[in-house]
Protein backbone atom coordinates (compact mmCIF):
# COMPACT_ATOMS: atom_id res chain seq x y z
CA VAL A 1 -75.84 154.08 -39.89
CA LYS A 2 -75.40 155.81 -43.24
CA TYR A 3 -73.75 158.86 -41.73
CA ALA A 4 -71.50 156.71 -39.55
CA PHE A 5 -70.17 155.05 -42.70
CA PHE A 6 -69.88 158.47 -44.32
CA LEU A 7 -67.86 159.87 -41.40
CA ALA A 8 -65.64 156.79 -41.26
CA MET A 9 -65.03 157.09 -45.01
CA TRP A 10 -64.03 160.71 -44.54
CA VAL A 11 -61.54 159.87 -41.78
CA ILE A 12 -60.02 157.06 -43.82
CA TYR A 13 -59.69 159.22 -46.93
CA TYR A 14 -57.99 161.87 -44.79
CA ALA A 15 -55.52 159.26 -43.50
CA ILE A 16 -54.84 158.11 -47.07
CA ALA A 17 -54.30 161.68 -48.30
CA ARG A 18 -52.04 162.32 -45.33
CA ARG A 19 -49.88 159.32 -46.24
CA VAL A 20 -49.75 160.12 -49.94
CA LEU A 21 -49.48 163.92 -49.88
CA GLY A 22 -47.54 164.29 -46.65
CA LYS A 23 -49.01 167.63 -45.55
CA THR A 24 -52.05 168.29 -43.41
CA VAL A 25 -53.26 171.25 -45.49
CA TRP A 26 -53.28 169.35 -48.78
CA ALA A 27 -54.83 166.31 -47.15
CA SER A 28 -57.65 168.52 -45.83
CA VAL A 29 -58.20 170.13 -49.22
CA ALA A 30 -58.22 166.76 -50.97
CA THR A 31 -60.68 165.30 -48.48
CA LEU A 32 -63.02 168.29 -48.56
CA SER A 33 -62.95 168.34 -52.36
CA LEU A 34 -65.00 165.13 -52.26
CA LEU A 35 -67.96 167.36 -51.45
CA LEU A 36 -67.70 168.82 -54.95
CA LEU A 37 -68.72 165.48 -56.44
CA TYR A 38 -72.46 165.38 -57.06
CA GLN A 39 -72.85 161.81 -55.85
CA ILE A 40 -71.17 162.58 -52.52
CA GLY A 41 -72.01 166.22 -51.90
CA TRP A 42 -75.71 166.03 -52.68
CA LYS A 43 -77.00 162.62 -53.59
CA ILE A 44 -75.67 160.86 -50.47
CA HIS A 45 -78.53 162.37 -48.45
CA LEU A 46 -81.24 160.74 -50.57
CA GLY A 47 -81.27 157.41 -48.75
CA VAL A 48 -78.63 155.22 -50.36
CA THR A 49 -77.06 153.47 -47.35
CA HIS A 50 -75.41 150.79 -49.47
CA THR A 51 -73.48 153.45 -51.41
CA ALA A 52 -72.06 154.87 -48.18
CA MET A 53 -70.95 151.39 -47.15
CA VAL A 54 -69.32 150.78 -50.53
CA MET A 55 -67.43 154.08 -50.29
CA PHE A 56 -66.28 153.14 -46.79
CA ALA A 57 -65.15 149.69 -47.96
CA CYS A 58 -63.23 151.14 -50.92
CA ALA A 59 -61.46 153.64 -48.68
CA ALA A 60 -60.65 150.98 -46.06
CA THR A 61 -59.31 148.60 -48.70
CA LEU A 62 -57.07 151.30 -50.16
CA LEU A 63 -55.74 152.24 -46.72
CA VAL A 64 -54.93 148.63 -45.82
CA VAL A 65 -53.23 148.02 -49.17
CA LEU A 66 -51.15 151.21 -48.81
CA TYR A 67 -50.15 150.13 -45.32
CA MET A 68 -49.15 146.67 -46.58
CA VAL A 69 -47.10 148.15 -49.43
CA GLU A 70 -45.28 150.47 -47.02
CA ARG A 71 -44.37 147.59 -44.74
CA GLY A 72 -42.95 145.59 -47.62
CA GLY A 73 -42.10 142.00 -46.83
CA SER A 74 -42.97 142.13 -43.13
CA ARG A 75 -46.70 141.50 -43.47
CA SER A 76 -48.55 139.79 -40.66
CA VAL A 77 -51.74 137.80 -40.31
CA LEU A 78 -53.40 140.92 -38.89
CA ASP A 79 -52.74 142.77 -42.16
CA TYR A 80 -54.51 140.08 -44.13
CA MET A 81 -57.36 139.95 -41.62
CA LEU A 82 -57.89 143.71 -41.99
CA LEU A 83 -57.80 143.36 -45.77
CA GLY A 84 -60.35 140.55 -45.56
CA LEU A 85 -62.63 142.67 -43.37
CA ALA A 86 -62.42 145.61 -45.77
CA VAL A 87 -63.10 143.50 -48.86
CA GLY A 88 -65.80 141.53 -47.04
CA SER A 89 -67.64 144.68 -46.01
CA GLY A 90 -67.56 145.80 -49.63
CA MET A 91 -69.04 142.52 -50.76
CA MET A 92 -71.74 142.66 -48.09
CA SER A 93 -72.86 146.08 -49.22
């Protein structure tokens, strides 16, 4: 379960970097640079499942908020449901 959250976090951070930076190369470098952080690169393997879920929830919340900002005034109920799921998963962790 922990590594599923970790992989999902990685994919979401890549999508965020792709939206913000615009290029695949820089998005890959930005996503892989997360491994240089001690808490992610080393300490994640020590059995802290709740931390992986929090990182996933933070990434998902940022992605949904970026998507909502890009769409501007044309937000739907689905956007708010996705935001609620992301924030709710963060609170559950």
